[in-house]
C-alpha atoms as a PDB file:
ATOM      1  CA  MET A   1      72.146  -8.298 -81.436  1.00  0.00           C
ATOM      2  CA  ASP A   2      74.647 -10.194 -83.255  1.00  0.00           C
ATOM      3  CA  ARG A   3      78.280  -9.471 -81.953  1.00  0.00           C
ATOM      4  CA  ALA A   4      78.888  -8.646 -85.920  1.00  0.00           C
ATOM      5  CA  LEU A   5      76.043  -6.095 -85.879  1.00  0.00           C
ATOM      6  CA  ALA A   6      77.160  -4.791 -82.598  1.00  0.00           C
ATOM      7  CA  THR A   7      80.938  -4.301 -83.973  1.00  0.00           C
ATOM      8  CA  ARG A   8      79.526  -2.547 -87.135  1.00  0.00           C
ATOM      9  CA  HIS A   9      77.720  -0.129 -84.971  1.00  0.00           C
ATOM     10  CA  VAL A  10      80.875   0.443 -82.920  1.00  0.00           C
ATOM     11  CA  MET A  11      82.564   1.424 -86.016  1.00  0.00           C
ATOM     12  CA  GLN A  12      80.398   3.538 -87.905  1.00  0.00           C
ATOM     13  CA  ALA A  13      80.181   5.587 -84.620  1.00  0.00           C
ATOM     14  CA  ASN A  14      83.944   6.861 -85.343  1.00  0.00           C
ATOM     15  CA  LYS A  15      83.581   9.908 -86.627  1.00  0.00           C
ATOM     16  CA  SER A  16      86.551  11.780 -88.708  1.00  0.00           C
ATOM     17  CA  LYS A  17      85.955  15.520 -87.988  1.00  0.00           C
ATOM     18  CA  ASP A  18      84.829  17.316 -84.641  1.00  0.00           C
ATOM     19  CA  THR A  19      86.416  14.426 -82.679  1.00  0.00           C
ATOM     20  CA  GLY A  20      86.891  15.178 -78.414  1.00  0.00           C
ATOM     21  CA  PRO A  21      90.300  15.961 -79.358  1.00  0.00           C
ATOM     22  CA  GLU A  22      90.247  18.017 -81.829  1.00  0.00           C
ATOM     23  CA  LEU A  23      87.343  20.421 -80.443  1.00  0.00           C
ATOM     24  CA  ALA A  24      89.748  20.110 -77.401  1.00  0.00           C
ATOM     25  CA  VAL A  25      92.557  21.678 -79.450  1.00  0.00           C
ATOM     26  CA  ARG A  26      90.149  24.667 -81.333  1.00  0.00           C
ATOM     27  CA  ALA A  27      88.895  25.812 -77.762  1.00  0.00           C
ATOM     28  CA  ALA A  28      92.735  25.964 -76.776  1.00  0.00           C
ATOM     29  CA  LEU A  29      93.318  28.276 -79.662  1.00  0.00           C
ATOM     30  CA  ARG A  30      90.600  30.204 -79.475  1.00  0.00           C
ATOM     31  CA  GLU A  31      91.754  30.657 -76.036  1.00  0.00           C
ATOM     32  CA  ALA A  32      95.461  31.690 -76.679  1.00  0.00           C
ATOM     33  CA  GLY A  33      94.073  34.266 -79.039  1.00  0.00           C
ATOM     34  CA  LEU A  34      94.536  32.519 -82.173  1.00  0.00           C
ATOM     35  CA  PRO A  35      90.997  32.329 -83.826  1.00  0.00           C
ATOM     36  CA  GLY A  36      90.908  32.398 -87.773  1.00  0.00           C
ATOM     37  CA  TYR A  37      92.119  28.831 -88.127  1.00  0.00           C
ATOM     38  CA  ARG A  38      89.951  27.271 -91.772  1.00  0.00           C
ATOM     39  CA  LEU A  39      88.450  23.624 -90.488  1.00  0.00           C
ATOM     40  CA  HIS A  40      89.512  20.717 -93.157  1.00  0.00           C
ATOM     41  CA  TRP A  41      91.110  23.016 -95.382  1.00  0.00           C
ATOM     42  CA  LYS A  42      90.413  21.511 -98.901  1.00  0.00           C
ATOM     43  CA  LYS A  43      93.323  23.459-100.432  1.00  0.00           C
ATOM     44  CA  ALA A  44      95.567  22.017 -98.524  1.00  0.00           C
ATOM     45  CA  SER A  45      97.071  18.303 -99.011  1.00  0.00           C
ATOM     46  CA  GLY A  46      95.342  15.228 -96.440  1.00  0.00           C
ATOM     47  CA  ARG A  47      92.851  18.342 -95.086  1.00  0.00           C
ATOM     48  CA  PRO A  48      94.121  19.186 -91.841  1.00  0.00           C
ATOM     49  CA  ASP A  49      92.336  19.157 -88.540  1.00  0.00           C
ATOM     50  CA  VAL A  50      93.212  22.574 -88.075  1.00  0.00           C
ATOM     51  CA  CYS A  51      94.745  25.312 -90.811  1.00  0.00           C
ATOM     52  CA  TYR A  52      96.023  28.415 -90.915  1.00  0.00           C
ATOM     53  CA  PRO A  53      96.874  29.079 -94.341  1.00  0.00           C
ATOM     54  CA  GLY A  54      98.255  32.807 -93.431  1.00  0.00           C
ATOM     55  CA  ARG A  55     100.651  31.383 -91.918  1.00  0.00           C
ATOM     56  CA  HIS A  56     101.141  28.072 -93.611  1.00  0.00           C
ATOM     57  CA  VAL A  57     100.905  26.150 -90.313  1.00  0.00           C
ATOM     58  CA  ALA A  58      98.469  22.755 -91.099  1.00  0.00           C
ATOM     59  CA  ILE A  59      97.569  21.204 -87.529  1.00  0.00           C
ATOM     60  CA  PHE A  60      96.438  17.115 -87.611  1.00  0.00           C
ATOM     61  CA  VAL A  61      95.252  15.800 -84.564  1.00  0.00           C
ATOM     62  CA  ASN A  62      95.402  11.987 -84.992  1.00  0.00           C
ATOM     63  CA  GLY A  63      93.597   9.493 -82.981  1.00  0.00           C
ATOM     64  CA  CYS A  64      96.373   7.029 -81.447  1.00  0.00           C
ATOM     65  CA  TYR A  65      93.911   3.558 -82.771  1.00  0.00           C
ATOM     66  CA  TRP A  66      93.322   4.686 -86.259  1.00  0.00           C
ATOM     67  CA  HIS A  67      96.999   6.483 -87.123  1.00  0.00           C
ATOM     68  CA  ARG A  68      98.691   3.511 -85.202  1.00  0.00           C
ATOM     69  CA  CYS A  69     100.757   5.844 -82.477  1.00  0.00           C
ATOM     70  CA  PRO A  70     104.127   5.497 -82.232  1.00  0.00           C
ATOM     71  CA  TRP A  71     104.064   5.900 -78.075  1.00  0.00           C
ATOM     72  CA  CYS A  72     101.163   3.866 -77.404  1.00  0.00           C
ATOM     73  CA  SER A  73     101.333   0.061 -77.203  1.00  0.00           C
ATOM     74  CA  LEU A  74      97.631  -0.554 -78.957  1.00  0.00           C
ATOM     75  CA  PRO A  75      97.159  -4.376 -79.762  1.00  0.00           C
ATOM     76  CA  ALA A  76      96.327  -5.464 -82.860  1.00  0.00           C
ATOM     77  CA  PRO A  77      92.817  -6.213 -83.994  1.00  0.00           C
ATOM     78  CA  LYS A  78      92.596 -10.467 -83.537  1.00  0.00           C
ATOM     79  CA  SER A  79      89.951 -10.904 -86.228  1.00  0.00           C
ATOM     80  CA  ASN A  80      90.483 -10.398 -89.634  1.00  0.00           C
ATOM     81  CA  VAL A  81      94.499  -9.254 -89.062  1.00  0.00           C
ATOM     82  CA  ALA A  82      95.588  -9.061 -92.672  1.00  0.00           C
ATOM     83  CA  PHE A  83      93.183  -6.230 -93.344  1.00  0.00           C
ATOM     84  CA  TRP A  84      93.635  -4.764 -90.739  1.00  0.00           C
ATOM     85  CA  GLU A  85      97.271  -4.435 -90.887  1.00  0.00           C
ATOM     86  CA  GLN A  86      96.948  -3.095 -94.833  1.00  0.00           C
ATOM     87  CA  LYS A  87      94.299  -0.651 -93.871  1.00  0.00           C
ATOM     88  CA  PHE A  88      96.532   0.780 -90.487  1.00  0.00           C
ATOM     89  CA  ALA A  89      99.658   0.025 -93.275  1.00  0.00           C
ATOM     90  CA  ARG A  90      97.455   2.656 -95.839  1.00  0.00           C
ATOM     91  CA  ASN A  91      96.443   5.004 -93.127  1.00  0.00           C
ATOM     92  CA  ARG A  92     100.681   5.923 -92.214  1.00  0.00           C
ATOM     93  CA  ALA A  93     101.465   5.890 -95.899  1.00  0.00           C
ATOM     94  CA  ARG A  94      98.655   8.290 -96.875  1.00  0.00           C
ATOM     95  CA  ASP A  95      99.156  10.296 -93.650  1.00  0.00           C
ATOM     96  CA  GLN A  96     103.045  10.486 -94.089  1.00  0.00           C
ATOM     97  CA  ARG A  97     102.280  11.357 -98.197  1.00  0.00           C
ATOM     98  CA  ASN A  98     100.341  14.491 -96.661  1.00  0.00           C
ATOM     99  CA  TYR A  99     103.331  15.805 -94.461  1.00  0.00           C
ATOM    100  CA  ASP A 100     105.412  15.702 -97.216  1.00  0.00           C
ATOM    101  CA  GLU A 101     103.543  17.301 -99.687  1.00  0.00           C
ATOM    102  CA  LEU A 102     102.648  19.925 -96.899  1.00  0.00           C
ATOM    103  CA  VAL A 103     106.434  20.607 -95.758  1.00  0.00           C
ATOM    104  CA  ARG A 104     107.704  20.368 -98.963  1.00  0.00           C
ATOM    105  CA  ASP A 105     105.677  23.317-100.000  1.00  0.00           C
ATOM    106  CA  GLY A 106     106.590  25.237 -97.068  1.00  0.00           C
ATOM    107  CA  TRP A 107     104.328  24.159 -94.537  1.00  0.00           C
ATOM    108  CA  LYS A 108     104.947  23.483 -90.524  1.00  0.00           C
ATOM    109  CA  VAL A 109     102.758  20.490 -90.037  1.00  0.00           C
ATOM    110  CA  LEU A 110     102.062  19.638 -86.291  1.00  0.00           C
ATOM    111  CA  VAL A 111     100.634  16.827 -85.156  1.00  0.00           C
ATOM    112  CA  ALA A 112      99.000  16.202 -81.702  1.00  0.00           C
ATOM    113  CA  TRP A 113      98.347  12.698 -81.091  1.00  0.00           C
ATOM    114  CA  GLU A 114      95.129  11.587 -78.674  1.00  0.00           C
ATOM    115  CA  CYS A 115      97.246  10.541 -75.744  1.00  0.00           C
ATOM    116  CA  ARG A 116      99.260  13.410 -75.421  1.00  0.00           C
ATOM    117  CA  LEU A 117      96.104  15.677 -75.603  1.00  0.00           C
ATOM    118  CA  LYS A 118      94.598  13.911 -72.456  1.00  0.00           C
ATOM    119  CA  ARG A 119      94.654  14.736 -68.724  1.00  0.00           C
ATOM    120  CA  GLY A 120      97.889  15.691 -67.149  1.00  0.00           C
ATOM    121  CA  ARG A 121      99.583  16.721 -71.116  1.00  0.00           C
ATOM    122  CA  PHE A 122      97.330  18.599 -72.189  1.00  0.00           C
ATOM    123  CA  ASP A 123      98.274  22.092 -71.099  1.00  0.00           C
ATOM    124  CA  SER A 124     102.057  21.091 -72.265  1.00  0.00           C
ATOM    125  CA  THR A 125     101.139  20.223 -75.641  1.00  0.00           C
ATOM    126  CA  MET A 126      99.090  22.760 -76.179  1.00  0.00           C
ATOM    127  CA  GLU A 127     101.644  25.279 -75.234  1.00  0.00           C
ATOM    128  CA  LYS A 128     103.907  23.685 -77.630  1.00  0.00           C
ATOM    129  CA  VAL A 129     101.505  23.677 -80.383  1.00  0.00           C
ATOM    130  CA  VAL A 130     100.565  27.571 -79.263  1.00  0.00           C
ATOM    131  CA  GLU A 131     104.516  28.724 -79.125  1.00  0.00           C
ATOM    132  CA  GLU A 132     104.736  27.242 -82.870  1.00  0.00           C
ATOM    133  CA  VAL A 133     101.880  28.550 -84.680  1.00  0.00           C
ATOM    134  CA  VAL A 134     102.770  32.182 -83.187  1.00  0.00           C
ATOM    135  CA  ARG A 135     106.240  31.675 -84.153  1.00  0.00           C
ATOM    136  CA  SER A 136     105.504  30.904 -87.500  1.00  0.00           C
ATOM    137  CA  ASP A 137     104.882  32.528 -90.868  1.00  0.00           C
ATOM    138  CA  SER A 138     104.565  32.588 -94.218  1.00  0.00           C
ATOM    139  CA  HIS A 139     107.982  32.641 -95.178  1.00  0.00           C
ATOM    140  CA  GLN A 140     109.493  29.834 -93.493  1.00  0.00           C
ATOM    141  CA  GLU A 141     110.934  26.327 -94.391  1.00  0.00           C
ATOM    142  CA  GLY A 142     108.329  23.475 -94.185  1.00  0.00           C
ATOM    143  CA  SER A 143     109.084  21.203 -90.992  1.00  0.00           C
ATOM    144  CA  LEU A 144     107.251  18.207 -89.439  1.00  0.00           C
ATOM    145  CA  ILE A 145     106.939  18.674 -85.383  1.00  0.00           C
ATOM    146  CA  GLU A 146     105.238  16.125 -83.118  1.00  0.00           C
ATOM    147  CA  VAL A 147     104.070  18.065 -80.861  1.00  0.00           C
ATOM    148  CA  GLY A 148     104.288  16.525 -77.331  1.00  0.00           C
ATOM    149  CA  ALA A 149     106.256  13.729 -78.331  1.00  0.00           C
ATOM    150  CA  PRO A 150     108.918  12.597 -75.618  1.00  0.00           C
ATOM    151  CA  PRO A 151     112.745  12.555 -77.191  1.00  0.00           C
ATOM    152  CA  GLY A 152     113.225   9.227 -79.510  1.00  0.00           C
ATOM    153  CA  TRP A 153     115.801   7.835 -76.590  1.00  0.00           C
ATOM    154  CA  ARG A 154     113.113   7.813 -73.941  1.00  0.00           C
ATOM    155  CA  VAL A 155     110.886   6.036 -76.073  1.00  0.00           C
ATOM    156  CA  ARG A 156     113.350   3.376 -77.189  1.00  0.00           C
ATOM    157  CA  VAL A 157     113.967   2.600 -73.468  1.00  0.00           C
ATOM    158  CA  ALA A 158     110.251   2.718 -72.736  1.00  0.00           C
ATOM    159  CA  ARG A 159     109.635   0.115 -75.680  1.00  0.00           C
ATOM    160  CA  SER A 160     112.893  -2.147 -74.491  1.00  0.00           C
ATOM    161  CA  ARG A 161     111.716  -2.344 -70.850  1.00  0.00           C
ATOM    162  CA  ILE A 162     108.030  -3.123 -72.486  1.00  0.00           C
ATOM    163  CA  THR A 163     109.351  -5.993 -74.739  1.00  0.00           C
ATOM    164  CA  ARG A 164     111.547  -7.406 -71.203  1.00  0.00           C
ATOM    165  CA  ARG A 165     108.504  -7.886 -69.251  1.00  0.00           C
ATOM    166  CA  ARG A 166     106.653  -9.948 -72.032  1.00  0.00           C
ATOM    167  CA  HIS A 167     109.015 -11.924 -72.746  1.00  0.00           C
END
């Protein structure tokens, strides 16, 4: 099998629904006594991965690579760079449009990044998700919360250290 065909097969194997992190989030929500969610609900902008229409809560479980996690320093593909830069920019713009529309409509939008759902961080991230779902009601103001995200100052410090090491 040539390299291009192998790459094609790997890219085709990426799923948009029922990913490992998404299944783990759903299991944790059920375990916390929060069943009754909708999956990829068409009536909510952006079809959130998990949605509680009555509470006006939309949960997006974002993969770090495709949605370009702000905390992971993921390398860009080395071939066809212009295409991938445009692709990632379109993904980020689409995500932001969906978040803005839901927030404008009074939804609480929770974004859980794949890296924050790995061993060592999963429990604390899911505690925050469960807390936000329980605290919400249909008469809230819209908000966007990146669950499990470190404070902004900590991210800036870490990135500056990484940049200094590279140079």
